[in-house]
Amino acid sequence: MCGIVGFTGHRQAAPVLLDGLSKLEYRGYDSAGLAVQQEDGTAMIVKAKGRLKVLADKTEQGATMPGTCGVGHTRWATHGEPSELNAHPHESDDGLVVGVHNGIIENYQELKQKLLRKGYTFYSGTDTEVAIKLVDYYYKKYAHTPVDAINHAMVRMRGSYALALMFKDYPEEIYAARKDSPMVIGIADGESYLASDVPAILKYTRNVYYIGNLELARLQKGKVTFFNLDGDEIQKDLVEIGWSADTCRTLQDMMANNVAKTYGQSQFGSLAVCAKSGTAEVGTGSPHAWFAGFLNDSEHPLAFVVLVENGGGGASTAGPIAAKVLQQAVENFD
């Protein structure tokens, strides 16, 4: 899995993006990158292979990337090897469109050939670069309107994706779209946030929107506008998250201690907690398997889901551990 964070507001964006990405490290990744808009709308892009700390050190914790609007990404390689070149964000040939992407574009080779015939060039082996340049193609074709460009691209892409895009002509704005990949949008104090999962933005706001499948969003400072696939504006309800960042951290520490005490810290990596709509989700950093548990209110009834990454027969191991650890957390959580 990959992680996306976006921010537009009044404070410096890069430190917010790095902080948000650190809350998504549980999703697994091999590289990371940031894009922050400058005063003229162009994007400064910095990427690094390896842990998020490499990117943080490279940017001096974001201090070398001034600007109040940007997107960040942690990548798990699917198309193209783990490398700085293949890391996100990616940009169009002229830098007019910059963006990040989670998911897999199944027909990216077909789309790439079309764009090559149109004169586009490609520097990476990723499907994400294809998606960005497809949006750029329709952006130029349809009179420089981001919503029209994105929805035309969405119709032609097969697979799953969550996209976060910036356009040079629209400074301090982020455009988002999704199909079968999660995305949440938050607002607070005249600022707007975007992420793959709630933990990335829970420090800053509990007020979020859940963008629906095949929907688009335009993020401005403290304002979000939603659109359907036809480009018509739609209304969505704001949801208040019931879990605080401190509560999530408490639950995270409790479950990590339970795993370390019962199974040994070496069996699974560090745990991370995400809160979404009054639930907490826990995943391990194992490259082969991770488990997710949901603790709902009403005396905390328990359920869990087992997900497997890259095979490895992890479900048979992760499932029992998830059940026991989550049960212990429920029994001990006050």
Protein backbone atom coordinates (compact mmCIF):
# COMPACT_ATOMS: atom_id res chain seq x y z
CA MET A 1 0.00 0.00 0.00
CA CYS A 2 0.99 3.63 -0.43
CA GLY A 3 0.24 6.76 1.54
CA ILE A 4 -1.00 10.18 0.38
CA VAL A 5 -1.12 13.44 2.32
CA GLY A 6 -2.15 16.87 1.02
CA PHE A 7 -2.40 20.30 2.62
CA THR A 8 -3.38 23.83 1.66
CA GLY A 9 -3.59 26.52 4.30
CA HIS A 10 -1.71 29.29 6.06
CA ARG A 11 1.21 27.42 7.61
CA GLN A 12 4.17 25.88 5.82
CA ALA A 13 3.05 22.73 4.01
CA ALA A 14 6.15 20.52 4.00
CA PRO A 15 6.34 19.91 7.78
CA VAL A 16 2.61 19.06 7.82
CA LEU A 17 3.10 16.63 4.94
CA LEU A 18 6.05 14.90 6.59
CA ASP A 19 4.16 14.60 9.86
CA GLY A 20 1.14 13.13 8.08
CA LEU A 21 3.23 10.64 6.14
CA SER A 22 4.83 9.47 9.37
CA LYS A 23 1.36 8.41 10.55
CA LEU A 24 0.96 6.27 7.41
CA GLU A 25 4.22 4.33 7.64
CA TYR A 26 2.25 1.26 8.75
CA ARG A 27 1.05 0.94 5.16
CA GLY A 28 4.51 -0.05 3.96
CA TYR A 29 6.70 1.83 1.47
CA ASP A 30 10.08 1.91 -0.24
CA SER A 31 10.43 5.61 -1.11
CA ALA A 32 8.85 8.97 -0.38
CA GLY A 33 8.47 12.41 -1.88
CA LEU A 34 6.98 15.89 -1.55
CA ALA A 35 5.77 18.54 -3.98
CA VAL A 36 5.18 22.07 -2.67
CA GLN A 37 3.87 24.93 -4.79
CA GLN A 38 5.99 28.06 -5.05
CA GLU A 39 4.68 31.62 -5.39
CA ASP A 40 4.42 31.35 -9.20
CA GLY A 41 2.49 28.08 -9.01
CA THR A 42 5.39 25.84 -10.04
CA ALA A 43 6.07 22.87 -7.79
CA MET A 44 9.30 22.13 -5.98
CA ILE A 45 9.68 18.34 -5.91
CA VAL A 46 12.02 16.41 -3.63
CA LYS A 47 12.10 12.60 -3.50
CA ALA A 48 14.15 9.98 -1.69
CA LYS A 49 14.53 6.23 -1.74
CA GLY A 50 14.25 4.44 1.58
CA ARG A 51 12.74 5.50 4.89
CA LEU A 52 10.81 8.71 5.43
CA LYS A 53 13.65 9.95 7.60
CA VAL A 54 15.85 10.15 4.51
CA LEU A 55 13.38 12.56 2.92
CA ALA A 56 13.00 14.52 6.16
CA ASP A 57 16.78 14.90 6.47
CA LYS A 58 17.10 15.81 2.80
CA THR A 59 14.61 18.66 3.23
CA GLU A 60 15.76 19.66 6.73
CA GLN A 61 12.38 18.58 8.12
CA GLY A 62 10.68 20.46 5.29
CA ALA A 63 12.41 23.79 5.94
CA THR A 64 14.03 23.89 2.48
CA MET A 65 10.64 23.59 0.74
CA PRO A 66 8.75 26.85 1.42
CA GLY A 67 5.09 27.10 0.44
CA THR A 68 1.65 26.64 1.93
CA CYS A 69 0.19 24.08 -0.52
CA GLY A 70 1.56 20.67 -1.29
CA VAL A 71 1.19 16.90 -1.56
CA GLY A 72 3.29 14.07 -0.18
CA HIS A 73 3.52 10.35 -0.85
CA THR A 74 5.05 7.12 0.39
CA ARG A 75 5.36 4.53 -2.39
CA TRP A 76 5.22 0.75 -2.41
CA ALA A 77 6.64 -0.24 -5.80
CA THR A 78 4.29 -1.96 -8.23
CA HIS A 79 5.27 -0.64 -11.67
CA GLY A 80 8.94 0.28 -11.78
CA GLU A 81 11.64 -0.61 -9.28
CA PRO A 82 12.08 1.18 -5.94
CA SER A 83 14.09 4.26 -6.84
CA GLU A 84 14.17 8.02 -6.47
CA LEU A 85 13.19 8.38 -10.13
CA ASN A 86 10.10 6.20 -9.73
CA ALA A 87 9.10 7.76 -6.42
CA HIS A 88 6.15 10.16 -6.37
CA PRO A 89 5.25 12.96 -6.96
CA HIS A 90 5.31 12.90 -10.75
CA GLU A 91 4.76 15.79 -13.15
CA SER A 92 3.75 16.51 -16.75
CA ASP A 93 6.41 17.32 -19.33
CA ASP A 94 6.06 21.06 -18.77
CA GLY A 95 5.36 20.88 -15.03
CA LEU A 96 1.82 22.18 -15.46
CA VAL A 97 0.33 19.21 -13.56
CA VAL A 98 1.95 17.53 -10.55
CA GLY A 99 0.49 14.71 -8.52
CA VAL A 100 0.61 11.50 -6.52
CA HIS A 101 -1.36 8.28 -6.84
CA ASN A 102 -2.29 5.18 -4.88
CA GLY A 103 -3.52 2.04 -6.62
CA ILE A 104 -2.87 0.36 -9.95
CA ILE A 105 -3.80 1.62 -13.43
CA GLU A 106 -4.35 -1.66 -15.22
CA ASN A 107 -4.34 -0.24 -18.76
CA TYR A 108 -1.42 2.14 -18.25
CA GLN A 109 0.62 0.62 -21.10
CA GLU A 110 -2.22 1.23 -23.55
CA LEU A 111 -2.62 4.81 -22.31
CA LYS A 112 1.13 5.34 -22.42
CA GLN A 113 1.27 4.37 -26.08
CA LYS A 114 -1.51 6.84 -26.84
CA LEU A 115 0.36 9.63 -25.06
CA LEU A 116 3.62 8.75 -26.80
CA ARG A 117 1.84 9.21 -30.13
CA LYS A 118 0.69 12.61 -28.88
CA GLY A 119 4.31 13.63 -28.25
CA TYR A 120 4.64 12.96 -24.52
CA THR A 121 7.87 11.57 -23.09
CA PHE A 122 8.32 9.40 -19.99
CA TYR A 123 11.14 9.34 -17.47
CA SER A 124 9.88 6.62 -15.07
CA GLY A 125 8.50 3.10 -15.22
CA THR A 126 5.37 3.95 -13.26
CA ASP A 127 1.68 3.90 -14.07
CA THR A 128 1.39 7.08 -11.99
CA GLU A 129 3.37 9.16 -14.47
CA VAL A 130 0.99 7.94 -17.15
CA ALA A 131 -2.02 9.02 -15.07
CA ILE A 132 -0.55 12.50 -14.47
CA LYS A 133 0.20 13.02 -18.15
CA LEU A 134 -3.21 11.73 -19.18
CA VAL A 135 -4.77 14.39 -16.96
CA ASP A 136 -2.40 16.95 -18.50
CA TYR A 137 -3.50 15.88 -22.00
CA TYR A 138 -7.17 16.45 -21.23
CA TYR A 139 -6.37 19.60 -19.26
CA LYS A 140 -4.91 21.17 -22.37
CA LYS A 141 -7.64 19.73 -24.58
CA TYR A 142 -10.55 20.97 -22.48
CA ALA A 143 -9.75 24.66 -22.01
CA HIS A 144 -7.69 24.37 -18.85
CA THR A 145 -10.42 23.21 -16.46
CA PRO A 146 -9.06 20.74 -13.88
CA VAL A 147 -12.38 19.04 -13.11
CA ASP A 148 -13.08 18.33 -16.79
CA ALA A 149 -9.53 17.09 -17.30
CA ILE A 150 -9.66 14.73 -14.33
CA ASN A 151 -13.08 13.25 -15.03
CA HIS A 152 -12.14 12.58 -18.67
CA ALA A 153 -9.00 10.81 -17.46
CA MET A 154 -10.97 8.81 -14.90
CA VAL A 155 -13.30 7.46 -17.56
CA ARG A 156 -10.32 6.14 -19.52
CA MET A 157 -8.34 4.61 -16.67
CA ARG A 158 -9.08 1.03 -15.61
CA GLY A 159 -8.09 -0.14 -12.17
CA SER A 160 -8.05 1.42 -8.73
CA TYR A 161 -6.68 4.80 -7.80
CA ALA A 162 -6.67 7.73 -5.44
CA LEU A 163 -5.22 10.86 -7.03
CA ALA A 164 -4.07 14.15 -5.51
CA LEU A 165 -3.12 16.75 -8.10
CA MET A 166 -1.91 20.34 -8.26
CA PHE A 167 -2.14 22.60 -11.30
CA LYS A 168 0.27 25.48 -11.89
CA ASP A 169 -2.60 27.68 -13.07
CA TYR A 170 -4.53 27.06 -9.83
CA PRO A 171 -2.15 27.90 -6.97
CA GLU A 172 -3.05 26.96 -3.40
CA GLU A 173 -5.54 24.34 -4.62
CA ILE A 174 -5.44 20.54 -4.63
CA TYR A 175 -7.70 18.35 -6.76
CA ALA A 176 -8.52 14.84 -5.61
CA ALA A 177 -10.28 11.86 -7.18
CA ARG A 178 -10.76 8.24 -6.25
CA LYS A 179 -11.91 4.86 -7.50
CA ASP A 180 -11.72 1.89 -5.11
CA SER A 181 -8.84 3.41 -3.10
CA PRO A 182 -9.51 5.18 0.21
CA MET A 183 -9.25 8.92 0.71
CA VAL A 184 -10.39 11.30 3.43
CA ILE A 185 -10.52 15.11 3.44
CA GLY A 186 -10.45 17.32 6.53
CA ILE A 187 -10.96 21.02 7.24
CA ALA A 188 -10.15 23.25 10.22
CA ASP A 189 -9.29 26.90 10.89
CA GLY A 190 -9.19 27.99 7.27
CA GLU A 191 -7.03 25.05 6.19
CA SER A 192 -7.76 21.84 4.25
CA TYR A 193 -6.18 18.41 4.50
CA LEU A 194 -6.23 15.25 2.41
CA ALA A 195 -4.98 11.76 3.27
CA SER A 196 -5.23 8.07 2.56
CA ASP A 197 -6.35 7.50 6.14
CA VAL A 198 -7.50 9.56 9.10
CA PRO A 199 -4.40 9.23 11.35
CA ALA A 200 -2.42 11.44 8.97
CA ILE A 201 -4.65 14.44 9.70
CA LEU A 202 -6.21 13.62 13.08
CA LYS A 203 -3.64 15.82 14.84
CA TYR A 204 -5.04 18.81 12.97
CA THR A 205 -8.78 18.17 12.69
CA ARG A 206 -11.56 15.73 13.59
CA ASN A 207 -13.91 17.17 10.96
CA VAL A 208 -13.68 15.15 7.77
CA TYR A 209 -15.43 14.32 4.53
CA TYR A 210 -15.29 10.89 2.91
CA ILE A 211 -14.99 11.31 -0.84
CA GLY A 212 -17.11 8.70 -2.60
CA ASN A 213 -16.20 6.31 -5.35
CA LEU A 214 -15.80 8.02 -8.75
CA GLU A 215 -16.03 11.44 -7.13
CA LEU A 216 -13.74 14.46 -7.31
CA ALA A 217 -12.89 17.20 -4.84
CA ARG A 218 -11.37 20.67 -5.04
CA LEU A 219 -9.50 21.69 -1.89
CA GLN A 220 -8.99 25.37 -1.17
CA LYS A 221 -7.97 26.97 2.13
CA GLY A 222 -10.68 25.90 4.55
CA LYS A 223 -13.11 24.99 1.77
CA VAL A 224 -13.86 21.78 -0.14
CA THR A 225 -16.10 21.40 -3.19
CA PHE A 226 -17.19 17.98 -4.45
CA PHE A 227 -18.12 16.87 -7.96
CA ASN A 228 -19.53 13.74 -9.55
CA LEU A 229 -18.05 12.10 -12.63
CA ASP A 230 -20.14 14.38 -14.87
CA GLY A 231 -18.53 17.41 -13.30
CA ASP A 232 -21.68 18.49 -11.45
CA GLU A 233 -21.22 19.90 -7.96
CA ILE A 234 -22.55 17.66 -5.19
CA GLN A 235 -23.07 18.10 -1.45
CA LYS A 236 -21.50 15.92 1.24
CA ASP A 237 -21.92 15.78 5.00
CA LEU A 238 -19.11 16.64 7.37
CA VAL A 239 -18.33 13.82 9.82
CA GLU A 240 -16.80 14.30 13.27
CA ILE A 241 -14.23 11.67 14.21
CA GLY A 242 -14.87 10.29 17.68
CA TRP A 243 -11.25 9.38 18.43
CA SER A 244 -8.59 11.91 19.40
CA ALA A 245 -4.97 11.61 18.36
CA ASP A 246 -4.04 10.99 22.02
CA THR A 247 -6.60 8.18 22.30
CA CYS A 248 -5.21 6.55 19.18
CA ARG A 249 -1.69 6.80 20.55
CA THR A 250 -2.79 5.20 23.83
CA LEU A 251 -4.42 2.31 21.98
CA GLN A 252 -1.39 1.98 19.72
CA ASP A 253 0.98 1.70 22.67
CA MET A 254 -1.31 -0.78 24.41
CA MET A 255 -1.48 -3.10 21.43
CA ALA A 256 2.24 -2.80 20.69
CA ASN A 257 2.98 -3.79 24.29
CA ASN A 258 0.60 -6.74 24.04
CA VAL A 259 2.27 -8.00 20.88
CA ALA A 260 5.77 -7.56 22.30
CA LYS A 261 4.87 -9.28 25.58
CA THR A 262 2.90 -12.16 24.07
CA TYR A 263 4.68 -12.87 20.78
CA GLY A 264 7.96 -11.00 20.90
CA GLN A 265 8.67 -7.69 19.26
CA SER A 266 10.64 -9.33 16.45
CA GLN A 267 7.68 -11.24 15.03
CA PHE A 268 5.89 -8.16 13.81
CA GLY A 269 7.08 -4.62 13.35
CA SER A 270 5.71 -1.54 15.02
CA LEU A 271 1.97 -1.07 15.15
CA ALA A 272 0.04 1.94 13.95
CA VAL A 273 -3.46 3.04 14.80
CA CYS A 274 -5.93 4.74 12.53
CA ALA A 275 -9.26 6.16 13.53
CA LYS A 276 -12.10 6.41 11.08
CA SER A 277 -15.72 7.14 11.87
CA GLY A 278 -15.45 6.09 15.49
CA THR A 279 -13.28 3.04 14.89
CA ALA A 280 -9.65 2.20 15.44
CA GLU A 281 -7.68 0.12 12.97
CA VAL A 282 -4.38 -1.53 13.73
CA GLY A 283 -1.89 -2.83 11.18
CA THR A 284 1.56 -4.33 11.46
CA GLY A 285 4.53 -3.37 9.35
CA SER A 286 5.18 -6.91 8.17
CA PRO A 287 5.87 -7.17 4.43
CA HIS A 288 3.81 -10.37 4.24
CA ALA A 289 0.73 -9.83 6.36
CA TRP A 290 -1.02 -7.34 8.56
CA PHE A 291 -4.19 -7.33 10.54
CA ALA A 292 -6.83 -4.69 11.11
CA GLY A 293 -9.16 -4.59 14.07
CA PHE A 294 -12.20 -2.42 14.63
CA LEU A 295 -13.19 -1.27 18.10
CA ASN A 296 -16.63 0.32 17.96
CA ASP A 297 -18.42 2.12 20.74
CA SER A 298 -21.33 0.52 22.64
CA GLU A 299 -19.05 -1.25 25.10
CA HIS A 300 -16.41 -1.86 22.42
CA PRO A 301 -17.64 -4.91 20.48
CA LEU A 302 -14.81 -6.48 18.53
CA ALA A 303 -14.32 -7.53 14.93
CA PHE A 304 -11.19 -7.86 12.83
CA VAL A 305 -10.11 -8.18 9.21
CA VAL A 306 -7.01 -9.99 7.98
CA LEU A 307 -5.20 -8.67 4.91
CA VAL A 308 -2.26 -10.36 3.20
CA GLU A 309 0.50 -8.54 1.31
CA ASN A 310 2.66 -10.38 -1.24
CA GLY A 311 1.48 -13.83 -0.26
CA GLY A 312 3.56 -15.60 2.32
CA GLY A 313 0.68 -17.40 4.03
CA GLY A 314 0.39 -14.57 6.52
CA ALA A 315 -3.34 -14.81 7.21
CA SER A 316 -3.06 -17.97 9.29
CA THR A 317 -0.52 -16.22 11.50
CA ALA A 318 -1.93 -12.71 11.56
CA GLY A 319 -5.52 -13.79 12.24
CA PRO A 320 -5.04 -15.47 15.62
CA ILE A 321 -2.61 -12.77 16.74
CA ALA A 322 -5.07 -10.06 15.72
CA ALA A 323 -7.89 -11.72 17.61
CA LYS A 324 -5.91 -12.17 20.82
CA VAL A 325 -4.21 -8.78 20.83
CA LEU A 326 -7.39 -6.90 20.06
CA GLN A 327 -9.30 -8.83 22.71
CA GLN A 328 -6.64 -7.90 25.26
CA ALA A 329 -6.87 -4.28 24.20
CA VAL A 330 -10.64 -4.29 24.62
CA GLU A 331 -10.37 -5.86 28.08
CA ASN A 332 -7.73 -3.39 29.24
CA PHE A 333 -8.98 -0.23 27.55
CA ASP A 334 -10.80 2.10 29.92
